[in-house]
């Protein structure tokens, strides 16, 4: 009887691991959007900062990238951006946020 329960638990655990693998893989940097820098003047005119200013991006941790690889997640849309070609402190336009927002590359 105990053996039957153990086999059922192992089968359920294995199924959860197998089914969650594709979902976890989608959070990687494969479909990252190439970051487009926006000047401070354009950002101030079209997308004024909020009360806390422009929010910083969140480093993306995944299997395919390390935190310093240049991939960051927007604080507004949670879309992953490839910021390897953009210098630190630059303003990035997030067009996936509704309305579009600007964030800072750390």
C-alpha atoms as a PDB file:
ATOM      1  CA  UNK A   1       0.000   0.000   0.000  1.00  0.00           C
ATOM      2  CA  UNK A   2       2.802   2.422   0.908  1.00  0.00           C
ATOM      3  CA  UNK A   3       4.561   1.518  -2.319  1.00  0.00           C
ATOM      4  CA  UNK A   4       1.468   2.459  -4.362  1.00  0.00           C
ATOM      5  CA  UNK A   5       1.328   5.882  -2.720  1.00  0.00           C
ATOM      6  CA  UNK A   6       5.024   6.423  -3.318  1.00  0.00           C
ATOM      7  CA  UNK A   7       4.681   5.552  -7.009  1.00  0.00           C
ATOM      8  CA  UNK A   8       1.734   7.940  -7.367  1.00  0.00           C
ATOM      9  CA  UNK A   9       3.603  10.776  -5.655  1.00  0.00           C
ATOM     10  CA  UNK A  10       6.683  10.205  -7.819  1.00  0.00           C
ATOM     11  CA  UNK A  11       4.569  10.156 -10.985  1.00  0.00           C
ATOM     12  CA  UNK A  12       2.838  13.424 -10.029  1.00  0.00           C
ATOM     13  CA  UNK A  13       6.172  15.086  -9.155  1.00  0.00           C
ATOM     14  CA  UNK A  14       7.707  13.962 -12.441  1.00  0.00           C
ATOM     15  CA  UNK A  15       4.684  15.254 -14.357  1.00  0.00           C
ATOM     16  CA  UNK A  16       4.904  18.648 -12.675  1.00  0.00           C
ATOM     17  CA  UNK A  17       8.583  18.963 -13.564  1.00  0.00           C
ATOM     18  CA  UNK A  18       8.002  17.966 -17.184  1.00  0.00           C
ATOM     19  CA  UNK A  19       5.003  20.263 -17.631  1.00  0.00           C
ATOM     20  CA  UNK A  20       6.641  23.283 -16.006  1.00  0.00           C
ATOM     21  CA  UNK A  21       9.842  23.080 -18.097  1.00  0.00           C
ATOM     22  CA  UNK A  22       8.420  24.801 -21.213  1.00  0.00           C
ATOM     23  CA  UNK A  23       6.954  27.607 -19.098  1.00  0.00           C
ATOM     24  CA  UNK A  24      10.287  28.208 -17.385  1.00  0.00           C
ATOM     25  CA  UNK A  25      12.140  28.196 -20.706  1.00  0.00           C
ATOM     26  CA  UNK A  26       9.933  31.015 -22.025  1.00  0.00           C
ATOM     27  CA  UNK A  27      11.192  33.322 -19.304  1.00  0.00           C
ATOM     28  CA  UNK A  28      14.691  33.246 -20.802  1.00  0.00           C
ATOM     29  CA  UNK A  29      16.333  35.826 -22.981  1.00  0.00           C
ATOM     30  CA  UNK A  30      15.605  34.168 -26.337  1.00  0.00           C
ATOM     31  CA  UNK A  31      12.757  36.546 -27.192  1.00  0.00           C
ATOM     32  CA  UNK A  32      14.310  39.671 -25.690  1.00  0.00           C
ATOM     33  CA  UNK A  33      13.438  42.984 -27.311  1.00  0.00           C
ATOM     34  CA  UNK A  34      16.395  45.068 -28.472  1.00  0.00           C
ATOM     35  CA  UNK A  35      16.462  48.180 -26.278  1.00  0.00           C
ATOM     36  CA  UNK A  36      16.015  51.563 -27.943  1.00  0.00           C
ATOM     37  CA  UNK A  37      17.587  54.443 -26.080  1.00  0.00           C
ATOM     38  CA  UNK A  38      15.629  57.690 -25.801  1.00  0.00           C
ATOM     39  CA  UNK A  39      17.215  61.067 -25.077  1.00  0.00           C
ATOM     40  CA  UNK A  40      16.512  62.800 -21.781  1.00  0.00           C
ATOM     41  CA  UNK A  41      14.884  65.721 -23.596  1.00  0.00           C
ATOM     42  CA  UNK A  42      12.492  63.502 -25.571  1.00  0.00           C
ATOM     43  CA  UNK A  43      11.691  61.465 -22.490  1.00  0.00           C
ATOM     44  CA  UNK A  44      10.891  64.591 -20.458  1.00  0.00           C
ATOM     45  CA  UNK A  45       8.616  65.969 -23.224  1.00  0.00           C
ATOM     46  CA  UNK A  46       6.708  62.846 -24.252  1.00  0.00           C
ATOM     47  CA  UNK A  47       6.975  60.614 -21.168  1.00  0.00           C
ATOM     48  CA  UNK A  48       7.356  62.736 -18.012  1.00  0.00           C
ATOM     49  CA  UNK A  49       8.737  60.925 -14.967  1.00  0.00           C
ATOM     50  CA  UNK A  50       6.470  59.865 -12.129  1.00  0.00           C
ATOM     51  CA  UNK A  51       6.800  61.043  -8.527  1.00  0.00           C
ATOM     52  CA  UNK A  52       9.732  58.651  -7.995  1.00  0.00           C
ATOM     53  CA  UNK A  53      11.364  59.503 -11.313  1.00  0.00           C
ATOM     54  CA  UNK A  54      12.089  56.878 -13.944  1.00  0.00           C
ATOM     55  CA  UNK A  55      12.163  53.399 -12.421  1.00  0.00           C
ATOM     56  CA  UNK A  56      15.256  51.210 -12.888  1.00  0.00           C
ATOM     57  CA  UNK A  57      15.056  47.961 -14.839  1.00  0.00           C
ATOM     58  CA  UNK A  58      15.324  44.641 -13.020  1.00  0.00           C
ATOM     59  CA  UNK A  59      18.271  42.355 -13.901  1.00  0.00           C
ATOM     60  CA  UNK A  60      17.071  39.192 -15.651  1.00  0.00           C
ATOM     61  CA  UNK A  61      18.266  35.926 -14.141  1.00  0.00           C
ATOM     62  CA  UNK A  62      17.739  32.909 -16.358  1.00  0.00           C
ATOM     63  CA  UNK A  63      19.474  29.748 -17.499  1.00  0.00           C
ATOM     64  CA  UNK A  64      20.820  31.451 -20.614  1.00  0.00           C
ATOM     65  CA  UNK A  65      22.073  34.707 -19.091  1.00  0.00           C
ATOM     66  CA  UNK A  66      23.762  35.982 -15.977  1.00  0.00           C
ATOM     67  CA  UNK A  67      22.789  39.166 -14.190  1.00  0.00           C
ATOM     68  CA  UNK A  68      25.579  41.166 -15.825  1.00  0.00           C
ATOM     69  CA  UNK A  69      24.942  39.924 -19.360  1.00  0.00           C
ATOM     70  CA  UNK A  70      22.902  43.014 -20.269  1.00  0.00           C
ATOM     71  CA  UNK A  71      19.383  41.576 -20.152  1.00  0.00           C
ATOM     72  CA  UNK A  72      16.879  43.494 -18.050  1.00  0.00           C
ATOM     73  CA  UNK A  73      13.164  43.270 -17.313  1.00  0.00           C
ATOM     74  CA  UNK A  74      11.006  46.381 -17.647  1.00  0.00           C
ATOM     75  CA  UNK A  75       9.361  47.429 -14.380  1.00  0.00           C
ATOM     76  CA  UNK A  76       6.202  48.330 -16.328  1.00  0.00           C
ATOM     77  CA  UNK A  77       5.459  45.481 -18.739  1.00  0.00           C
ATOM     78  CA  UNK A  78       7.779  42.726 -17.441  1.00  0.00           C
ATOM     79  CA  UNK A  79       9.103  42.403 -21.013  1.00  0.00           C
ATOM     80  CA  UNK A  80      12.778  41.428 -21.242  1.00  0.00           C
ATOM     81  CA  UNK A  81      15.070  43.879 -23.039  1.00  0.00           C
ATOM     82  CA  UNK A  82      18.515  43.266 -24.524  1.00  0.00           C
ATOM     83  CA  UNK A  83      20.490  46.267 -23.240  1.00  0.00           C
ATOM     84  CA  UNK A  84      23.974  45.042 -24.155  1.00  0.00           C
ATOM     85  CA  UNK A  85      24.445  47.848 -26.698  1.00  0.00           C
ATOM     86  CA  UNK A  86      23.130  50.557 -24.333  1.00  0.00           C
ATOM     87  CA  UNK A  87      25.307  52.239 -21.730  1.00  0.00           C
ATOM     88  CA  UNK A  88      24.479  52.167 -18.033  1.00  0.00           C
ATOM     89  CA  UNK A  89      22.167  54.978 -16.909  1.00  0.00           C
ATOM     90  CA  UNK A  90      20.540  55.337 -20.339  1.00  0.00           C
ATOM     91  CA  UNK A  91      16.785  55.811 -20.676  1.00  0.00           C
ATOM     92  CA  UNK A  92      14.933  53.006 -22.492  1.00  0.00           C
ATOM     93  CA  UNK A  93      11.457  53.322 -23.999  1.00  0.00           C
ATOM     94  CA  UNK A  94       9.102  50.459 -23.147  1.00  0.00           C
ATOM     95  CA  UNK A  95       6.551  50.439 -25.960  1.00  0.00           C
ATOM     96  CA  UNK A  96       4.857  47.315 -24.582  1.00  0.00           C
ATOM     97  CA  UNK A  97       3.602  49.195 -21.516  1.00  0.00           C
ATOM     98  CA  UNK A  98       0.221  50.879 -21.906  1.00  0.00           C
ATOM     99  CA  UNK A  99       0.779  53.825 -22.053  1.00  0.00           C
ATOM    100  CA  UNK A 100       4.445  53.639 -23.133  1.00  0.00           C
ATOM    101  CA  UNK A 101       6.853  54.256 -20.271  1.00  0.00           C
ATOM    102  CA  UNK A 102      10.551  55.015 -19.834  1.00  0.00           C
ATOM    103  CA  UNK A 103      12.885  53.108 -17.520  1.00  0.00           C
ATOM    104  CA  UNK A 104      16.571  53.395 -16.634  1.00  0.00           C
ATOM    105  CA  UNK A 105      19.176  50.784 -17.495  1.00  0.00           C
ATOM    106  CA  UNK A 106      21.116  50.101 -14.266  1.00  0.00           C
END
